[in-house]
Amino acid sequence: MSEKNSKSELKSVPTLSASPERNTFQRDGYLRRQAEKGLTPDNDDDTRAMTEMYQSWDIEKANREADPEWQKNNLEYDLRSTDWIVAKVRASESYAQNLYAAMCNNDFQRLEVWPVLKDETWSCSWRSAGGIVADMRGEGDYIDWYCSGIRDIGVYAPAKENETLTEEQQARMKIVDKFVAEGAVTDEIRADLLRLGWSVVTDPDDSH
């Protein structure tokens, strides 16, 4: 076999979309609190140990994601390695939030023979769901999406007097109005997951 033919038969390895800011929210908050006390990794052993622990999370995450066993029947892997759905998440904040919400409080199953026969499902925590979306967006951390479906808190609270909002705030509210509660699965998200080869096996509309 020629070198040219050999190279042409090599399978490309999907690239996982990732955020450089993933796992930084807790670390940065901790370092800020320590800095207020005059403590840094350079002058305090406890601060240095905690910093090293946070760094170990990144190493563990990278090692885990490189493991072929982790990639099997894993919705996170399929979401972060599939170009068309990554593009949709990056193009629309409301779509990204809807995907986050769908991953919360639901179970998912790959539409293949063995996962169905063995009743294998995939699920994740709200925090993990937010982190997955951050990785797909290529920016931010889980906190940017965590609890985004709860409309009566923080920046997601609906305005009582719409005329009191600036144009920028009104534009923001139009985006937030398309957010859905954690656990809700929109028709578009459900269809895209099916296209990806996954079905929602539990959701708030189930009678079981």
C-alpha atoms as a PDB file:
ATOM      1  CA  MET A   1       0.000   0.000   0.000  1.00  0.00           C
ATOM      2  CA  SER A   2       1.376   3.392  -0.964  1.00  0.00           C
ATOM      3  CA  GLU A   3       1.969   6.097   1.606  1.00  0.00           C
ATOM      4  CA  LYS A   4      -0.655   8.246  -0.101  1.00  0.00           C
ATOM      5  CA  ASN A   5      -3.335   5.550   0.135  1.00  0.00           C
ATOM      6  CA  SER A   6      -2.374   4.776   3.719  1.00  0.00           C
ATOM      7  CA  LYS A   7      -2.825   8.395   4.736  1.00  0.00           C
ATOM      8  CA  SER A   8      -6.167   8.637   2.949  1.00  0.00           C
ATOM      9  CA  GLU A   9      -7.529   5.745   5.008  1.00  0.00           C
ATOM     10  CA  LEU A  10      -6.671   7.328   8.350  1.00  0.00           C
ATOM     11  CA  LYS A  11      -9.791   8.433  10.195  1.00  0.00           C
ATOM     12  CA  SER A  12      -9.874  11.974  11.449  1.00  0.00           C
ATOM     13  CA  VAL A  13     -10.372  12.383  15.185  1.00  0.00           C
ATOM     14  CA  PRO A  14     -13.224  14.769  16.085  1.00  0.00           C
ATOM     15  CA  THR A  15     -12.149  17.890  17.921  1.00  0.00           C
ATOM     16  CA  LEU A  16     -13.983  18.609  21.149  1.00  0.00           C
ATOM     17  CA  SER A  17     -15.247  22.152  21.440  1.00  0.00           C
ATOM     18  CA  ALA A  18     -13.904  23.644  24.672  1.00  0.00           C
ATOM     19  CA  SER A  19     -13.958  26.872  26.626  1.00  0.00           C
ATOM     20  CA  PRO A  20     -10.614  28.180  27.906  1.00  0.00           C
ATOM     21  CA  GLU A  21     -12.549  29.590  30.865  1.00  0.00           C
ATOM     22  CA  ARG A  22     -14.039  26.239  31.917  1.00  0.00           C
ATOM     23  CA  ASN A  23     -13.486  25.463  35.628  1.00  0.00           C
ATOM     24  CA  THR A  24     -12.309  29.012  36.331  1.00  0.00           C
ATOM     25  CA  PHE A  25     -15.351  30.433  38.157  1.00  0.00           C
ATOM     26  CA  GLN A  26     -14.663  28.754  41.494  1.00  0.00           C
ATOM     27  CA  ARG A  27     -10.894  29.137  41.209  1.00  0.00           C
ATOM     28  CA  ASP A  28     -10.994  32.837  40.376  1.00  0.00           C
ATOM     29  CA  GLY A  29     -13.491  33.562  43.138  1.00  0.00           C
ATOM     30  CA  TYR A  30     -11.300  31.754  45.649  1.00  0.00           C
ATOM     31  CA  LEU A  31      -8.158  33.594  44.552  1.00  0.00           C
ATOM     32  CA  ARG A  32      -9.944  36.956  44.794  1.00  0.00           C
ATOM     33  CA  ARG A  33     -11.068  36.207  48.345  1.00  0.00           C
ATOM     34  CA  GLN A  34      -7.555  35.130  49.304  1.00  0.00           C
ATOM     35  CA  ALA A  35      -6.021  38.207  47.672  1.00  0.00           C
ATOM     36  CA  GLU A  36      -8.286  40.411  49.808  1.00  0.00           C
ATOM     37  CA  LYS A  37      -6.535  38.854  52.812  1.00  0.00           C
ATOM     38  CA  GLY A  38      -3.127  39.396  51.273  1.00  0.00           C
ATOM     39  CA  LEU A  39      -2.667  35.699  50.492  1.00  0.00           C
ATOM     40  CA  THR A  40      -1.385  34.344  47.173  1.00  0.00           C
ATOM     41  CA  PRO A  41      -0.005  30.993  45.953  1.00  0.00           C
ATOM     42  CA  ASP A  42       3.468  32.520  46.328  1.00  0.00           C
ATOM     43  CA  ASN A  43       3.187  33.434  49.995  1.00  0.00           C
ATOM     44  CA  ASP A  44       0.657  30.969  51.424  1.00  0.00           C
ATOM     45  CA  ASP A  45       0.821  27.168  51.398  1.00  0.00           C
ATOM     46  CA  ASP A  46      -2.951  26.657  51.663  1.00  0.00           C
ATOM     47  CA  THR A  47      -3.617  29.009  48.756  1.00  0.00           C
ATOM     48  CA  ARG A  48      -0.981  27.273  46.669  1.00  0.00           C
ATOM     49  CA  ALA A  49      -2.450  23.847  47.504  1.00  0.00           C
ATOM     50  CA  MET A  50      -5.952  24.941  46.502  1.00  0.00           C
ATOM     51  CA  THR A  51      -4.620  26.430  43.259  1.00  0.00           C
ATOM     52  CA  GLU A  52      -2.882  23.169  42.457  1.00  0.00           C
ATOM     53  CA  MET A  53      -6.097  21.280  43.180  1.00  0.00           C
ATOM     54  CA  TYR A  54      -8.009  23.460  40.707  1.00  0.00           C
ATOM     55  CA  GLN A  55      -5.272  22.868  38.139  1.00  0.00           C
ATOM     56  CA  SER A  56      -5.587  19.126  38.693  1.00  0.00           C
ATOM     57  CA  TRP A  57      -9.249  19.344  37.663  1.00  0.00           C
ATOM     58  CA  ASP A  58      -8.174  20.563  34.214  1.00  0.00           C
ATOM     59  CA  ILE A  59      -5.690  17.703  33.882  1.00  0.00           C
ATOM     60  CA  GLU A  60      -8.265  15.128  34.993  1.00  0.00           C
ATOM     61  CA  LYS A  61     -10.814  16.555  32.542  1.00  0.00           C
ATOM     62  CA  ALA A  62      -8.350  16.386  29.640  1.00  0.00           C
ATOM     63  CA  ASN A  63      -7.357  12.805  30.485  1.00  0.00           C
ATOM     64  CA  ARG A  64     -10.963  11.738  30.856  1.00  0.00           C
ATOM     65  CA  GLU A  65     -12.022  13.242  27.544  1.00  0.00           C
ATOM     66  CA  ALA A  66      -9.147  11.508  25.721  1.00  0.00           C
ATOM     67  CA  ASP A  67     -10.307   8.101  26.960  1.00  0.00           C
ATOM     68  CA  PRO A  68     -12.203   6.185  24.211  1.00  0.00           C
ATOM     69  CA  GLU A  69     -14.370   4.580  26.912  1.00  0.00           C
ATOM     70  CA  TRP A  70     -15.566   8.013  28.083  1.00  0.00           C
ATOM     71  CA  GLN A  71     -16.536   8.883  24.527  1.00  0.00           C
ATOM     72  CA  LYS A  72     -18.842   5.864  24.109  1.00  0.00           C
ATOM     73  CA  ASN A  73     -22.576   6.436  24.488  1.00  0.00           C
ATOM     74  CA  ASN A  74     -21.831   9.890  25.851  1.00  0.00           C
ATOM     75  CA  LEU A  75     -24.130  12.727  24.826  1.00  0.00           C
ATOM     76  CA  GLU A  76     -21.595  15.319  25.983  1.00  0.00           C
ATOM     77  CA  TYR A  77     -18.990  13.918  23.606  1.00  0.00           C
ATOM     78  CA  ASP A  78     -21.428  13.859  20.689  1.00  0.00           C
ATOM     79  CA  LEU A  79     -22.584  17.416  21.367  1.00  0.00           C
ATOM     80  CA  ARG A  80     -19.099  18.887  21.681  1.00  0.00           C
ATOM     81  CA  SER A  81     -17.646  17.001  18.694  1.00  0.00           C
ATOM     82  CA  THR A  82     -20.453  17.621  16.175  1.00  0.00           C
ATOM     83  CA  ASP A  83     -19.848  20.720  14.083  1.00  0.00           C
ATOM     84  CA  TRP A  84     -23.409  21.574  13.085  1.00  0.00           C
ATOM     85  CA  ILE A  85     -24.848  21.610  16.613  1.00  0.00           C
ATOM     86  CA  VAL A  86     -21.809  23.441  18.013  1.00  0.00           C
ATOM     87  CA  ALA A  87     -22.403  26.069  15.317  1.00  0.00           C
ATOM     88  CA  LYS A  88     -26.066  26.456  16.350  1.00  0.00           C
ATOM     89  CA  VAL A  89     -25.107  26.871  20.008  1.00  0.00           C
ATOM     90  CA  ARG A  90     -22.549  29.544  19.104  1.00  0.00           C
ATOM     91  CA  ALA A  91     -24.950  31.368  16.794  1.00  0.00           C
ATOM     92  CA  SER A  92     -27.865  31.690  19.223  1.00  0.00           C
ATOM     93  CA  GLU A  93     -27.816  32.370  22.946  1.00  0.00           C
ATOM     94  CA  SER A  94     -31.450  31.311  23.301  1.00  0.00           C
ATOM     95  CA  TYR A  95     -30.765  28.022  21.508  1.00  0.00           C
ATOM     96  CA  ALA A  96     -27.779  27.453  23.778  1.00  0.00           C
ATOM     97  CA  GLN A  97     -29.948  28.040  26.849  1.00  0.00           C
ATOM     98  CA  ASN A  98     -32.650  25.729  25.509  1.00  0.00           C
ATOM     99  CA  LEU A  99     -30.069  22.961  25.082  1.00  0.00           C
ATOM    100  CA  TYR A 100     -28.791  23.567  28.619  1.00  0.00           C
ATOM    101  CA  ALA A 101     -32.353  23.385  29.966  1.00  0.00           C
ATOM    102  CA  ALA A 102     -33.053  20.141  28.098  1.00  0.00           C
ATOM    103  CA  MET A 103     -30.042  18.457  29.675  1.00  0.00           C
ATOM    104  CA  CYS A 104     -31.327  19.285  33.163  1.00  0.00           C
ATOM    105  CA  ASN A 105     -33.593  16.769  34.940  1.00  0.00           C
ATOM    106  CA  ASN A 106     -33.805  14.471  31.916  1.00  0.00           C
ATOM    107  CA  ASP A 107     -32.370  11.153  30.788  1.00  0.00           C
ATOM    108  CA  PHE A 108     -31.228  10.465  27.239  1.00  0.00           C
ATOM    109  CA  GLN A 109     -30.635   7.302  25.257  1.00  0.00           C
ATOM    110  CA  ARG A 110     -28.562   6.672  22.167  1.00  0.00           C
ATOM    111  CA  LEU A 111     -30.720   5.248  19.390  1.00  0.00           C
ATOM    112  CA  GLU A 112     -28.665   2.142  18.798  1.00  0.00           C
ATOM    113  CA  VAL A 113     -29.478  -1.500  19.460  1.00  0.00           C
ATOM    114  CA  TRP A 114     -27.277  -2.204  22.478  1.00  0.00           C
ATOM    115  CA  PRO A 115     -27.989   0.952  24.490  1.00  0.00           C
ATOM    116  CA  VAL A 116     -31.722   0.384  23.958  1.00  0.00           C
ATOM    117  CA  LEU A 117     -31.634  -3.333  24.818  1.00  0.00           C
ATOM    118  CA  LYS A 118     -29.473  -2.712  27.878  1.00  0.00           C
ATOM    119  CA  ASP A 119     -31.554   0.337  28.803  1.00  0.00           C
ATOM    120  CA  GLU A 120     -28.418   2.483  29.053  1.00  0.00           C
ATOM    121  CA  THR A 121     -29.093   6.161  29.570  1.00  0.00           C
ATOM    122  CA  TRP A 122     -27.086   9.355  29.970  1.00  0.00           C
ATOM    123  CA  SER A 123     -27.804  12.260  32.296  1.00  0.00           C
ATOM    124  CA  CYS A 124     -25.948  15.109  33.963  1.00  0.00           C
ATOM    125  CA  SER A 125     -26.282  17.713  36.699  1.00  0.00           C
ATOM    126  CA  TRP A 126     -27.361  21.305  36.081  1.00  0.00           C
ATOM    127  CA  ARG A 127     -23.791  22.417  36.701  1.00  0.00           C
ATOM    128  CA  SER A 128     -22.424  19.914  34.182  1.00  0.00           C
ATOM    129  CA  ALA A 129     -25.077  20.956  31.649  1.00  0.00           C
ATOM    130  CA  GLY A 130     -23.957  24.566  31.970  1.00  0.00           C
ATOM    131  CA  GLY A 131     -20.330  23.535  31.545  1.00  0.00           C
ATOM    132  CA  ILE A 132     -21.106  21.534  28.418  1.00  0.00           C
ATOM    133  CA  VAL A 133     -22.829  24.526  26.837  1.00  0.00           C
ATOM    134  CA  ALA A 134     -19.913  26.784  27.817  1.00  0.00           C
ATOM    135  CA  ASP A 135     -17.535  24.341  26.126  1.00  0.00           C
ATOM    136  CA  MET A 136     -19.734  24.286  23.028  1.00  0.00           C
ATOM    137  CA  ARG A 137     -19.796  28.081  22.945  1.00  0.00           C
ATOM    138  CA  GLY A 138     -16.023  28.167  23.372  1.00  0.00           C
ATOM    139  CA  GLU A 139     -16.342  30.728  26.161  1.00  0.00           C
ATOM    140  CA  GLY A 140     -17.381  31.148  29.766  1.00  0.00           C
ATOM    141  CA  ASP A 141     -18.059  28.609  32.492  1.00  0.00           C
ATOM    142  CA  TYR A 142     -21.037  26.695  33.871  1.00  0.00           C
ATOM    143  CA  ILE A 143     -22.205  29.694  35.920  1.00  0.00           C
ATOM    144  CA  ASP A 144     -23.155  31.561  32.731  1.00  0.00           C
ATOM    145  CA  TRP A 145     -26.032  29.081  32.230  1.00  0.00           C
ATOM    146  CA  TYR A 146     -26.678  27.631  35.671  1.00  0.00           C
ATOM    147  CA  CYS A 147     -30.271  28.401  36.798  1.00  0.00           C
ATOM    148  CA  SER A 148     -30.864  30.485  33.638  1.00  0.00           C
ATOM    149  CA  GLY A 149     -34.332  28.941  33.357  1.00  0.00           C
ATOM    150  CA  ILE A 150     -35.428  30.455  36.670  1.00  0.00           C
ATOM    151  CA  ARG A 151     -36.936  33.671  35.407  1.00  0.00           C
ATOM    152  CA  ASP A 152     -37.451  35.539  38.663  1.00  0.00           C
ATOM    153  CA  ILE A 153     -33.810  35.867  39.725  1.00  0.00           C
ATOM    154  CA  GLY A 154     -30.949  38.156  38.769  1.00  0.00           C
ATOM    155  CA  VAL A 155     -30.649  39.436  35.205  1.00  0.00           C
ATOM    156  CA  TYR A 156     -33.288  36.956  34.065  1.00  0.00           C
ATOM    157  CA  ALA A 157     -36.084  38.602  36.008  1.00  0.00           C
ATOM    158  CA  PRO A 158     -38.766  40.005  33.674  1.00  0.00           C
ATOM    159  CA  ALA A 159     -39.222  43.767  33.821  1.00  0.00           C
ATOM    160  CA  LYS A 160     -42.474  45.063  35.310  1.00  0.00           C
ATOM    161  CA  GLU A 161     -42.346  48.241  33.263  1.00  0.00           C
ATOM    162  CA  ASN A 162     -40.973  47.510  29.815  1.00  0.00           C
ATOM    163  CA  GLU A 163     -40.854  51.214  28.972  1.00  0.00           C
ATOM    164  CA  THR A 164     -38.298  51.767  31.745  1.00  0.00           C
ATOM    165  CA  LEU A 165     -35.760  49.604  29.927  1.00  0.00           C
ATOM    166  CA  THR A 166     -33.100  50.980  27.629  1.00  0.00           C
ATOM    167  CA  GLU A 167     -32.958  49.756  24.046  1.00  0.00           C
ATOM    168  CA  GLU A 168     -30.083  47.477  24.991  1.00  0.00           C
ATOM    169  CA  GLN A 169     -32.075  46.060  27.915  1.00  0.00           C
ATOM    170  CA  GLN A 170     -35.127  45.525  25.726  1.00  0.00           C
ATOM    171  CA  ALA A 171     -33.002  43.661  23.173  1.00  0.00           C
ATOM    172  CA  ARG A 172     -31.663  41.541  26.035  1.00  0.00           C
ATOM    173  CA  MET A 173     -35.176  40.762  27.240  1.00  0.00           C
ATOM    174  CA  LYS A 174     -36.168  39.545  23.763  1.00  0.00           C
ATOM    175  CA  ILE A 175     -33.421  36.939  24.026  1.00  0.00           C
ATOM    176  CA  VAL A 176     -34.261  35.978  27.608  1.00  0.00           C
ATOM    177  CA  ASP A 177     -37.940  35.635  26.699  1.00  0.00           C
ATOM    178  CA  LYS A 178     -36.954  32.593  24.639  1.00  0.00           C
ATOM    179  CA  PHE A 179     -35.292  30.901  27.607  1.00  0.00           C
ATOM    180  CA  VAL A 180     -37.112  27.889  29.062  1.00  0.00           C
ATOM    181  CA  ALA A 181     -37.189  26.285  32.480  1.00  0.00           C
ATOM    182  CA  GLU A 182     -34.705  23.600  33.471  1.00  0.00           C
ATOM    183  CA  GLY A 183     -36.083  20.261  32.312  1.00  0.00           C
ATOM    184  CA  ALA A 184     -38.118  21.663  29.418  1.00  0.00           C
ATOM    185  CA  VAL A 185     -37.350  20.229  25.979  1.00  0.00           C
ATOM    186  CA  THR A 186     -38.313  22.384  23.019  1.00  0.00           C
ATOM    187  CA  ASP A 187     -39.392  20.839  19.716  1.00  0.00           C
ATOM    188  CA  GLU A 188     -36.247  22.146  18.023  1.00  0.00           C
ATOM    189  CA  ILE A 189     -33.939  20.668  20.642  1.00  0.00           C
ATOM    190  CA  ARG A 190     -35.778  17.348  20.581  1.00  0.00           C
ATOM    191  CA  ALA A 191     -35.501  17.182  16.777  1.00  0.00           C
ATOM    192  CA  ASP A 192     -31.807  18.087  16.823  1.00  0.00           C
ATOM    193  CA  LEU A 193     -31.058  15.445  19.443  1.00  0.00           C
ATOM    194  CA  LEU A 194     -32.841  12.876  17.272  1.00  0.00           C
ATOM    195  CA  ARG A 195     -30.719  13.978  14.335  1.00  0.00           C
ATOM    196  CA  LEU A 196     -27.705  13.468  16.563  1.00  0.00           C
ATOM    197  CA  GLY A 197     -28.911   9.946  17.364  1.00  0.00           C
ATOM    198  CA  TRP A 198     -30.340  10.508  20.839  1.00  0.00           C
ATOM    199  CA  SER A 199     -33.845  10.434  22.301  1.00  0.00           C
ATOM    200  CA  VAL A 200     -35.218  12.016  25.457  1.00  0.00           C
ATOM    201  CA  VAL A 201     -36.480   9.176  27.619  1.00  0.00           C
ATOM    202  CA  THR A 202     -37.717  11.282  30.535  1.00  0.00           C
ATOM    203  CA  ASP A 203     -38.998  14.803  30.518  1.00  0.00           C
ATOM    204  CA  PRO A 204     -41.572  16.904  32.428  1.00  0.00           C
ATOM    205  CA  ASP A 205     -44.373  15.861  30.057  1.00  0.00           C
ATOM    206  CA  ASP A 206     -43.986  12.152  30.845  1.00  0.00           C
ATOM    207  CA  SER A 207     -46.803  10.610  32.825  1.00  0.00           C
ATOM    208  CA  HIS A 208     -44.529   8.049  34.522  1.00  0.00           C
END
